[in-house]
Amino acid sequence: MSFPQIVIENARLIILQALEEDPDYSHNEDILRGVLEAFGHRLSHDRLRTELHWLAEQGLVGLEQVRDLLVVRLTPRGEDVALGNTRVPGVARPRPGA
């Protein structure tokens, strides 16, 4: 596996975990960009949207356009991946106890 693939798989997991920790299981894309930056991932606006759409295609999140922002909501399948109960190729697996 290439370094860029490892990085993007980790970023996808961080997005899912951030959504799982929220009481409403949702955030807008600006909040998620800040979360990713806190974990050392700087994604462009276009790259973040690409990853959010990829997660939606996998059935891990739902997307809603609100004005010029995407609101991202975790699905039950996405929650299972965030918690390590289900594996999806393309998303890093959480470390035990993390």
PDB file of N, CA and C in Angstrom:
ATOM      1  N   MET A   1       0.852  -1.186   0.000  1.00  0.00           N
ATOM      2  CA  MET A   1       0.000   0.000   0.000  1.00  0.00           C
ATOM      3  C   MET A   1       0.893   1.243   0.000  1.00  0.00           C
ATOM      4  N   SER A   2       0.499   2.236  -0.778  1.00  0.00           N
ATOM      5  CA  SER A   2       1.284   3.460  -0.896  1.00  0.00           C
ATOM      6  C   SER A   2       1.022   4.400   0.287  1.00  0.00           C
ATOM      7  N   PHE A   3       1.977   5.303   0.510  1.00  0.00           N
ATOM      8  CA  PHE A   3       1.827   6.287   1.579  1.00  0.00           C
ATOM      9  C   PHE A   3       0.573   7.138   1.398  1.00  0.00           C
ATOM     10  N   PRO A   4       0.300   7.666   0.170  1.00  0.00           N
ATOM     11  CA  PRO A   4      -0.928   8.458   0.001  1.00  0.00           C
ATOM     12  C   PRO A   4      -2.198   7.666   0.330  1.00  0.00           C
ATOM     13  N   GLN A   5      -2.219   6.375   0.020  1.00  0.00           N
ATOM     14  CA  GLN A   5      -3.389   5.560   0.334  1.00  0.00           C
ATOM     15  C   GLN A   5      -3.554   5.395   1.838  1.00  0.00           C
ATOM     16  N   ILE A   6      -2.452   5.190   2.543  1.00  0.00           N
ATOM     17  CA  ILE A   6      -2.508   5.076   4.005  1.00  0.00           C
ATOM     18  C   ILE A   6      -3.061   6.364   4.613  1.00  0.00           C
ATOM     19  N   VAL A   7      -2.598   7.493   4.107  1.00  0.00           N
ATOM     20  CA  VAL A   7      -3.037   8.793   4.630  1.00  0.00           C
ATOM     21  C   VAL A   7      -4.533   8.993   4.408  1.00  0.00           C
ATOM     22  N   ILE A   8      -5.036   8.704   3.197  1.00  0.00           N
ATOM     23  CA  ILE A   8      -6.452   8.958   2.915  1.00  0.00           C
ATOM     24  C   ILE A   8      -7.336   7.986   3.672  1.00  0.00           C
ATOM     25  N   GLU A   9      -6.902   6.745   3.844  1.00  0.00           N
ATOM     26  CA  GLU A   9      -7.688   5.786   4.625  1.00  0.00           C
ATOM     27  C   GLU A   9      -7.790   6.230   6.081  1.00  0.00           C
ATOM     28  N   ASN A  10      -6.718   6.799   6.599  1.00  0.00           N
ATOM     29  CA  ASN A  10      -6.749   7.320   7.969  1.00  0.00           C
ATOM     30  C   ASN A  10      -7.667   8.537   8.059  1.00  0.00           C
ATOM     31  N   ALA A  11      -7.616   9.417   7.069  1.00  0.00           N
ATOM     32  CA  ALA A  11      -8.488  10.602   7.068  1.00  0.00           C
ATOM     33  C   ALA A  11      -9.959  10.183   7.039  1.00  0.00           C
ATOM     34  N   ARG A  12     -10.291   9.163   6.251  1.00  0.00           N
ATOM     35  CA  ARG A  12     -11.677   8.686   6.193  1.00  0.00           C
ATOM     36  C   ARG A  12     -12.122   8.161   7.557  1.00  0.00           C
ATOM     37  N   LEU A  13     -11.245   7.420   8.224  1.00  0.00           N
ATOM     38  CA  LEU A  13     -11.582   6.920   9.558  1.00  0.00           C
ATOM     39  C   LEU A  13     -11.799   8.066  10.538  1.00  0.00           C
ATOM     40  N   ILE A  14     -10.953   9.073  10.492  1.00  0.00           N
ATOM     41  CA  ILE A  14     -11.090  10.232  11.390  1.00  0.00           C
ATOM     42  C   ILE A  14     -12.435  10.915  11.165  1.00  0.00           C
ATOM     43  N   ILE A  15     -12.851  11.054   9.922  1.00  0.00           N
ATOM     44  CA  ILE A  15     -14.157  11.656   9.625  1.00  0.00           C
ATOM     45  C   ILE A  15     -15.264  10.843  10.278  1.00  0.00           C
ATOM     46  N   LEU A  16     -15.233   9.534  10.097  1.00  0.00           N
ATOM     47  CA  LEU A  16     -16.275   8.672  10.677  1.00  0.00           C
ATOM     48  C   LEU A  16     -16.260   8.723  12.200  1.00  0.00           C
ATOM     49  N   GLN A  17     -15.088   8.728  12.786  1.00  0.00           N
ATOM     50  CA  GLN A  17     -15.000   8.779  14.248  1.00  0.00           C
ATOM     51  C   GLN A  17     -15.479  10.118  14.796  1.00  0.00           C
ATOM     52  N   ALA A  18     -15.193  11.204  14.090  1.00  0.00           N
ATOM     53  CA  ALA A  18     -15.675  12.519  14.526  1.00  0.00           C
ATOM     54  C   ALA A  18     -17.199  12.565  14.500  1.00  0.00           C
ATOM     55  N   LEU A  19     -17.788  11.988  13.478  1.00  0.00           N
ATOM     56  CA  LEU A  19     -19.247  11.943  13.390  1.00  0.00           C
ATOM     57  C   LEU A  19     -19.836  11.055  14.485  1.00  0.00           C
ATOM     58  N   GLU A  20     -19.181   9.944  14.766  1.00  0.00           N
ATOM     59  CA  GLU A  20     -19.668   9.016  15.785  1.00  0.00           C
ATOM     60  C   GLU A  20     -19.655   9.653  17.171  1.00  0.00           C
ATOM     61  N   GLU A  21     -18.713  10.528  17.437  1.00  0.00           N
ATOM     62  CA  GLU A  21     -18.590  11.169  18.745  1.00  0.00           C
ATOM     63  C   GLU A  21     -19.590  12.307  18.951  1.00  0.00           C
ATOM     64  N   ASP A  22     -20.192  12.798  17.873  1.00  0.00           N
ATOM     65  CA  ASP A  22     -21.139  13.904  17.979  1.00  0.00           C
ATOM     66  C   ASP A  22     -22.508  13.388  18.427  1.00  0.00           C
ATOM     67  N   PRO A  23     -23.182  14.093  19.353  1.00  0.00           N
ATOM     68  CA  PRO A  23     -24.498  13.632  19.818  1.00  0.00           C
ATOM     69  C   PRO A  23     -25.528  13.463  18.695  1.00  0.00           C
ATOM     70  N   ASP A  24     -25.428  14.265  17.634  1.00  0.00           N
ATOM     71  CA  ASP A  24     -26.357  14.163  16.505  1.00  0.00           C
ATOM     72  C   ASP A  24     -25.774  13.363  15.341  1.00  0.00           C
ATOM     73  N   TYR A  25     -24.582  12.825  15.518  1.00  0.00           N
ATOM     74  CA  TYR A  25     -23.906  12.043  14.475  1.00  0.00           C
ATOM     75  C   TYR A  25     -23.738  12.835  13.183  1.00  0.00           C
ATOM     76  N   SER A  26     -23.543  14.139  13.297  1.00  0.00           N
ATOM     77  CA  SER A  26     -23.387  14.941  12.086  1.00  0.00           C
ATOM     78  C   SER A  26     -22.497  16.157  12.334  1.00  0.00           C
ATOM     79  N   HIS A  27     -21.895  16.625  11.261  1.00  0.00           N
ATOM     80  CA  HIS A  27     -21.103  17.862  11.247  1.00  0.00           C
ATOM     81  C   HIS A  27     -21.171  18.421   9.837  1.00  0.00           C
ATOM     82  N   ASN A  28     -20.859  19.704   9.713  1.00  0.00           N
ATOM     83  CA  ASN A  28     -20.713  20.240   8.367  1.00  0.00           C
ATOM     84  C   ASN A  28     -19.259  20.077   7.931  1.00  0.00           C
ATOM     85  N   GLU A  29     -19.024  20.265   6.656  1.00  0.00           N
ATOM     86  CA  GLU A  29     -17.701  20.006   6.104  1.00  0.00           C
ATOM     87  C   GLU A  29     -16.621  20.915   6.677  1.00  0.00           C
ATOM     88  N   ASP A  30     -16.961  22.134   7.081  1.00  0.00           N
ATOM     89  CA  ASP A  30     -15.958  23.024   7.676  1.00  0.00           C
ATOM     90  C   ASP A  30     -15.475  22.490   9.019  1.00  0.00           C
ATOM     91  N   ILE A  31     -16.389  21.970   9.831  1.00  0.00           N
ATOM     92  CA  ILE A  31     -16.009  21.381  11.117  1.00  0.00           C
ATOM     93  C   ILE A  31     -15.111  20.171  10.862  1.00  0.00           C
ATOM     94  N   LEU A  32     -15.495  19.337   9.916  1.00  0.00           N
ATOM     95  CA  LEU A  32     -14.691  18.146   9.618  1.00  0.00           C
ATOM     96  C   LEU A  32     -13.308  18.520   9.107  1.00  0.00           C
ATOM     97  N   ARG A  33     -13.199  19.589   8.337  1.00  0.00           N
ATOM     98  CA  ARG A  33     -11.883  20.046   7.875  1.00  0.00           C
ATOM     99  C   ARG A  33     -11.019  20.421   9.074  1.00  0.00           C
ATOM    100  N   GLY A  34     -11.603  21.111  10.058  1.00  0.00           N
ATOM    101  CA  GLY A  34     -10.860  21.467  11.262  1.00  0.00           C
ATOM    102  C   GLY A  34     -10.426  20.252  12.064  1.00  0.00           C
ATOM    103  N   VAL A  35     -11.300  19.255  12.158  1.00  0.00           N
ATOM    104  CA  VAL A  35     -10.943  18.017  12.855  1.00  0.00           C
ATOM    105  C   VAL A  35      -9.765  17.344  12.156  1.00  0.00           C
ATOM    106  N   LEU A  36      -9.848  17.247  10.837  1.00  0.00           N
ATOM    107  CA  LEU A  36      -8.755  16.618  10.091  1.00  0.00           C
ATOM    108  C   LEU A  36      -7.445  17.368  10.281  1.00  0.00           C
ATOM    109  N   GLU A  37      -7.492  18.681  10.271  1.00  0.00           N
ATOM    110  CA  GLU A  37      -6.281  19.472  10.474  1.00  0.00           C
ATOM    111  C   GLU A  37      -5.699  19.237  11.854  1.00  0.00           C
ATOM    112  N   ALA A  38      -6.559  19.057  12.863  1.00  0.00           N
ATOM    113  CA  ALA A  38      -6.081  18.780  14.220  1.00  0.00           C
ATOM    114  C   ALA A  38      -5.319  17.456  14.279  1.00  0.00           C
ATOM    115  N   PHE A  39      -5.616  16.544  13.359  1.00  0.00           N
ATOM    116  CA  PHE A  39      -4.940  15.255  13.294  1.00  0.00           C
ATOM    117  C   PHE A  39      -3.851  15.223  12.220  1.00  0.00           C
ATOM    118  N   GLY A  40      -3.495  16.390  11.694  1.00  0.00           N
ATOM    119  CA  GLY A  40      -2.382  16.482  10.759  1.00  0.00           C
ATOM    120  C   GLY A  40      -2.722  16.265   9.302  1.00  0.00           C
ATOM    121  N   HIS A  41      -4.008  16.282   8.956  1.00  0.00           N
ATOM    122  CA  HIS A  41      -4.424  16.095   7.564  1.00  0.00           C
ATOM    123  C   HIS A  41      -4.932  17.419   6.999  1.00  0.00           C
ATOM    124  N   ARG A  42      -4.266  17.903   5.965  1.00  0.00           N
ATOM    125  CA  ARG A  42      -4.720  19.118   5.279  1.00  0.00           C
ATOM    126  C   ARG A  42      -5.280  18.716   3.935  1.00  0.00           C
ATOM    127  N   LEU A  43      -6.595  18.725   3.831  1.00  0.00           N
ATOM    128  CA  LEU A  43      -7.256  18.383   2.573  1.00  0.00           C
ATOM    129  C   LEU A  43      -7.839  19.653   1.969  1.00  0.00           C
ATOM    130  N   SER A  44      -7.676  19.800   0.672  1.00  0.00           N
ATOM    131  CA  SER A  44      -8.293  20.924  -0.020  1.00  0.00           C
ATOM    132  C   SER A  44      -9.807  20.759   0.050  1.00  0.00           C
ATOM    133  N   HIS A  45     -10.508  21.843  -0.236  1.00  0.00           N
ATOM    134  CA  HIS A  45     -11.970  21.811  -0.249  1.00  0.00           C
ATOM    135  C   HIS A  45     -12.463  20.733  -1.211  1.00  0.00           C
ATOM    136  N   ASP A  46     -11.891  20.707  -2.407  1.00  0.00           N
ATOM    137  CA  ASP A  46     -12.298  19.711  -3.409  1.00  0.00           C
ATOM    138  C   ASP A  46     -11.977  18.294  -2.958  1.00  0.00           C
ATOM    139  N   ARG A  47     -10.811  18.076  -2.366  1.00  0.00           N
ATOM    140  CA  ARG A  47     -10.436  16.729  -1.931  1.00  0.00           C
ATOM    141  C   ARG A  47     -11.335  16.258  -0.794  1.00  0.00           C
ATOM    142  N   LEU A  48     -11.666  17.157   0.142  1.00  0.00           N
ATOM    143  CA  LEU A  48     -12.566  16.770   1.229  1.00  0.00           C
ATOM    144  C   LEU A  48     -13.923  16.377   0.668  1.00  0.00           C
ATOM    145  N   ARG A  49     -14.445  17.156  -0.256  1.00  0.00           N
ATOM    146  CA  ARG A  49     -15.747  16.809  -0.857  1.00  0.00           C
ATOM    147  C   ARG A  49     -15.677  15.479  -1.599  1.00  0.00           C
ATOM    148  N   THR A  50     -14.579  15.233  -2.277  1.00  0.00           N
ATOM    149  CA  THR A  50     -14.403  13.951  -2.960  1.00  0.00           C
ATOM    150  C   THR A  50     -14.465  12.803  -1.955  1.00  0.00           C
ATOM    151  N   GLU A  51     -13.785  12.951  -0.831  1.00  0.00           N
ATOM    152  CA  GLU A  51     -13.773  11.897   0.188  1.00  0.00           C
ATOM    153  C   GLU A  51     -15.147  11.740   0.838  1.00  0.00           C
ATOM    154  N   LEU A  52     -15.850  12.838   1.056  1.00  0.00           N
ATOM    155  CA  LEU A  52     -17.195  12.749   1.631  1.00  0.00           C
ATOM    156  C   LEU A  52     -18.140  12.019   0.680  1.00  0.00           C
ATOM    157  N   HIS A  53     -18.022  12.306  -0.609  1.00  0.00           N
ATOM    158  CA  HIS A  53     -18.853  11.604  -1.589  1.00  0.00           C
ATOM    159  C   HIS A  53     -18.470  10.123  -1.673  1.00  0.00           C
ATOM    160  N   TRP A  54     -17.185   9.822  -1.547  1.00  0.00           N
ATOM    161  CA  TRP A  54     -16.752   8.420  -1.533  1.00  0.00           C
ATOM    162  C   TRP A  54     -17.373   7.697  -0.342  1.00  0.00           C
ATOM    163  N   LEU A  55     -17.321   8.319   0.836  1.00  0.00           N
ATOM    164  CA  LEU A  55     -17.928   7.717   2.030  1.00  0.00           C
ATOM    165  C   LEU A  55     -19.434   7.513   1.834  1.00  0.00           C
ATOM    166  N   ALA A  56     -20.083   8.463   1.167  1.00  0.00           N
ATOM    167  CA  ALA A  56     -21.520   8.328   0.899  1.00  0.00           C
ATOM    168  C   ALA A  56     -21.782   7.173  -0.067  1.00  0.00           C
ATOM    169  N   GLU A  57     -20.944   7.025  -1.078  1.00  0.00           N
ATOM    170  CA  GLU A  57     -21.101   5.919  -2.028  1.00  0.00           C
ATOM    171  C   GLU A  57     -20.967   4.563  -1.339  1.00  0.00           C
ATOM    172  N   GLN A  58     -20.183   4.514  -0.282  1.00  0.00           N
ATOM    173  CA  GLN A  58     -19.998   3.265   0.465  1.00  0.00           C
ATOM    174  C   GLN A  58     -21.125   3.035   1.475  1.00  0.00           C
ATOM    175  N   GLY A  59     -22.038   3.994   1.594  1.00  0.00           N
ATOM    176  CA  GLY A  59     -23.142   3.871   2.540  1.00  0.00           C
ATOM    177  C   GLY A  59     -22.749   4.163   3.976  1.00  0.00           C
ATOM    178  N   LEU A  60     -21.645   4.893   4.159  1.00  0.00           N
ATOM    179  CA  LEU A  60     -21.143   5.177   5.504  1.00  0.00           C
ATOM    180  C   LEU A  60     -21.642   6.509   6.055  1.00  0.00           C
ATOM    181  N   VAL A  61     -21.996   7.419   5.162  1.00  0.00           N
ATOM    182  CA  VAL A  61     -22.528   8.722   5.557  1.00  0.00           C
ATOM    183  C   VAL A  61     -23.634   9.119   4.590  1.00  0.00           C
ATOM    184  N   GLY A  62     -24.465  10.031   5.053  1.00  0.00           N
ATOM    185  CA  GLY A  62     -25.428  10.701   4.194  1.00  0.00           C
ATOM    186  C   GLY A  62     -24.992  12.139   4.029  1.00  0.00           C
ATOM    187  N   LEU A  63     -25.298  12.741   2.897  1.00  0.00           N
ATOM    188  CA  LEU A  63     -24.911  14.122   2.619  1.00  0.00           C
ATOM    189  C   LEU A  63     -26.141  14.961   2.335  1.00  0.00           C
ATOM    190  N   GLU A  64     -26.122  16.177   2.855  1.00  0.00           N
ATOM    191  CA  GLU A  64     -27.188  17.134   2.577  1.00  0.00           C
ATOM    192  C   GLU A  64     -26.549  18.480   2.276  1.00  0.00           C
ATOM    193  N   GLN A  65     -26.920  19.061   1.165  1.00  0.00           N
ATOM    194  CA  GLN A  65     -26.415  20.382   0.793  1.00  0.00           C
ATOM    195  C   GLN A  65     -27.254  21.432   1.504  1.00  0.00           C
ATOM    196  N   VAL A  66     -26.613  22.267   2.310  1.00  0.00           N
ATOM    197  CA  VAL A  66     -27.283  23.370   2.994  1.00  0.00           C
ATOM    198  C   VAL A  66     -26.527  24.635   2.599  1.00  0.00           C
ATOM    199  N   ARG A  67     -27.178  25.411   1.741  1.00  0.00           N
ATOM    200  CA  ARG A  67     -26.540  26.579   1.120  1.00  0.00           C
ATOM    201  C   ARG A  67     -25.273  26.131   0.417  1.00  0.00           C
ATOM    202  N   ASP A  68     -24.107  26.648   0.845  1.00  0.00           N
ATOM    203  CA  ASP A  68     -22.878  26.262   0.151  1.00  0.00           C
ATOM    204  C   ASP A  68     -22.060  25.219   0.911  1.00  0.00           C
ATOM    205  N   LEU A  69     -22.647  24.628   1.959  1.00  0.00           N
ATOM    206  CA  LEU A  69     -21.953  23.617   2.760  1.00  0.00           C
ATOM    207  C   LEU A  69     -22.614  22.255   2.650  1.00  0.00           C
ATOM    208  N   LEU A  70     -21.812  21.211   2.779  1.00  0.00           N
ATOM    209  CA  LEU A  70     -22.342  19.869   2.925  1.00  0.00           C
ATOM    210  C   LEU A  70     -22.479  19.556   4.406  1.00  0.00           C
ATOM    211  N   VAL A  71     -23.606  19.024   4.795  1.00  0.00           N
ATOM    212  CA  VAL A  71     -23.794  18.500   6.140  1.00  0.00           C
ATOM    213  C   VAL A  71     -23.694  16.985   6.009  1.00  0.00           C
ATOM    214  N   VAL A  72     -22.874  16.401   6.851  1.00  0.00           N
ATOM    215  CA  VAL A  72     -22.549  14.982   6.771  1.00  0.00           C
ATOM    216  C   VAL A  72     -23.132  14.282   7.993  1.00  0.00           C
ATOM    217  N   ARG A  73     -23.906  13.209   7.751  1.00  0.00           N
ATOM    218  CA  ARG A  73     -24.525  12.452   8.839  1.00  0.00           C
ATOM    219  C   ARG A  73     -24.090  10.997   8.759  1.00  0.00           C
ATOM    220  N   LEU A  74     -23.670  10.462   9.875  1.00  0.00           N
ATOM    221  CA  LEU A  74     -23.223   9.078   9.964  1.00  0.00           C
ATOM    222  C   LEU A  74     -24.398   8.121   9.804  1.00  0.00           C
ATOM    223  N   THR A  75     -24.189   7.047   9.063  1.00  0.00           N
ATOM    224  CA  THR A  75     -25.195   5.992   8.935  1.00  0.00           C
ATOM    225  C   THR A  75     -24.875   4.896   9.950  1.00  0.00           C
ATOM    226  N   PRO A  76     -25.821   3.980  10.193  1.00  0.00           N
ATOM    227  CA  PRO A  76     -25.510   2.864  11.084  1.00  0.00           C
ATOM    228  C   PRO A  76     -24.295   2.054  10.611  1.00  0.00           C
ATOM    229  N   ARG A  77     -24.164   1.863   9.313  1.00  0.00           N
ATOM    230  CA  ARG A  77     -22.986   1.149   8.785  1.00  0.00           C
ATOM    231  C   ARG A  77     -21.713   1.944   9.061  1.00  0.00           C
ATOM    232  N   GLY A  78     -21.779   3.262   8.898  1.00  0.00           N
ATOM    233  CA  GLY A  78     -20.630   4.112   9.189  1.00  0.00           C
ATOM    234  C   GLY A  78     -20.243   4.054  10.652  1.00  0.00           C
ATOM    235  N   GLU A  79     -21.228   3.970  11.530  1.00  0.00           N
ATOM    236  CA  GLU A  79     -20.949   3.841  12.962  1.00  0.00           C
ATOM    237  C   GLU A  79     -20.208   2.530  13.234  1.00  0.00           C
ATOM    238  N   ASP A  80     -20.647   1.457  12.600  1.00  0.00           N
ATOM    239  CA  ASP A  80     -19.966   0.170  12.778  1.00  0.00           C
ATOM    240  C   ASP A  80     -18.508   0.242  12.332  1.00  0.00           C
ATOM    241  N   VAL A  81     -18.239   0.938  11.239  1.00  0.00           N
ATOM    242  CA  VAL A  81     -16.864   1.082  10.756  1.00  0.00           C
ATOM    243  C   VAL A  81     -16.057   1.950  11.724  1.00  0.00           C
ATOM    244  N   ALA A  82     -16.635   3.052  12.192  1.00  0.00           N
ATOM    245  CA  ALA A  82     -15.939   3.950  13.123  1.00  0.00           C
ATOM    246  C   ALA A  82     -15.545   3.231  14.404  1.00  0.00           C
ATOM    247  N   LEU A  83     -16.384   2.313  14.846  1.00  0.00           N
ATOM    248  CA  LEU A  83     -16.130   1.584  16.091  1.00  0.00           C
ATOM    249  C   LEU A  83     -15.301   0.318  15.882  1.00  0.00           C
ATOM    250  N   GLY A  84     -15.017  -0.020  14.640  1.00  0.00           N
ATOM    251  CA  GLY A  84     -14.214  -1.198  14.355  1.00  0.00           C
ATOM    252  C   GLY A  84     -15.000  -2.491  14.299  1.00  0.00           C
ATOM    253  N   ASN A  85     -16.333  -2.405  14.276  1.00  0.00           N
ATOM    254  CA  ASN A  85     -17.172  -3.601  14.219  1.00  0.00           C
ATOM    255  C   ASN A  85     -17.312  -4.155  12.808  1.00  0.00           C
ATOM    256  N   THR A  86     -17.064  -3.316  11.808  1.00  0.00           N
ATOM    257  CA  THR A  86     -17.152  -3.690  10.401  1.00  0.00           C
ATOM    258  C   THR A  86     -15.949  -3.102   9.685  1.00  0.00           C
ATOM    259  N   ARG A  87     -15.430  -3.838   8.718  1.00  0.00           N
ATOM    260  CA  ARG A  87     -14.310  -3.332   7.919  1.00  0.00           C
ATOM    261  C   ARG A  87     -14.788  -3.009   6.514  1.00  0.00           C
ATOM    262  N   VAL A  88     -14.306  -1.901   5.994  1.00  0.00           N
ATOM    263  CA  VAL A  88     -14.594  -1.490   4.621  1.00  0.00           C
ATOM    264  C   VAL A  88     -13.250  -1.177   3.958  1.00  0.00           C
ATOM    265  N   PRO A  89     -12.935  -1.872   2.855  1.00  0.00           N
ATOM    266  CA  PRO A  89     -11.698  -1.538   2.143  1.00  0.00           C
ATOM    267  C   PRO A  89     -11.683  -0.056   1.766  1.00  0.00           C
ATOM    268  N   GLY A  90     -10.574   0.600   2.048  1.00  0.00           N
ATOM    269  CA  GLY A  90     -10.458   2.030   1.762  1.00  0.00           C
ATOM    270  C   GLY A  90     -10.608   2.895   2.996  1.00  0.00           C
ATOM    271  N   VAL A  91     -10.944   2.272   4.140  1.00  0.00           N
ATOM    272  CA  VAL A  91     -11.038   3.003   5.402  1.00  0.00           C
ATOM    273  C   VAL A  91     -10.120   2.283   6.396  1.00  0.00           C
ATOM    274  N   ALA A  92      -9.253   3.032   7.047  1.00  0.00           N
ATOM    275  CA  ALA A  92      -8.353   2.439   8.041  1.00  0.00           C
ATOM    276  C   ALA A  92      -9.175   1.785   9.156  1.00  0.00           C
ATOM    277  N   ARG A  93      -8.596   0.786   9.743  1.00  0.00           N
ATOM    278  CA  ARG A  93      -9.232   0.120  10.880  1.00  0.00           C
ATOM    279  C   ARG A  93      -8.764   0.805  12.159  1.00  0.00           C
ATOM    280  N   PRO A  94      -9.693   1.085  13.087  1.00  0.00           N
ATOM    281  CA  PRO A  94      -9.269   1.740  14.327  1.00  0.00           C
ATOM    282  C   PRO A  94      -8.360   0.816  15.141  1.00  0.00           C
ATOM    283  N   ARG A  95      -7.446   1.412  15.851  1.00  0.00           N
ATOM    284  CA  ARG A  95      -6.550   0.645  16.714  1.00  0.00           C
ATOM    285  C   ARG A  95      -7.312   0.185  17.958  1.00  0.00           C
ATOM    286  N   PRO A  96      -6.959  -0.960  18.501  1.00  0.00           N
ATOM    287  CA  PRO A  96      -7.641  -1.443  19.706  1.00  0.00           C
ATOM    288  C   PRO A  96      -7.561  -0.413  20.827  1.00  0.00           C
ATOM    289  N   GLY A  97      -8.664  -0.206  21.489  1.00  0.00           N
ATOM    290  CA  GLY A  97      -8.711   0.718  22.610  1.00  0.00           C
ATOM    291  C   GLY A  97      -8.699   2.184  22.235  1.00  0.00           C
ATOM    292  N   ALA A  98      -8.672   2.476  20.939  1.00  0.00           N
ATOM    293  CA  ALA A  98      -8.620   3.890  20.523  1.00  0.00           C
ATOM    294  C   ALA A  98     -10.005   4.491  20.512  1.00  0.00           C
TER     295      ALA A  98
END
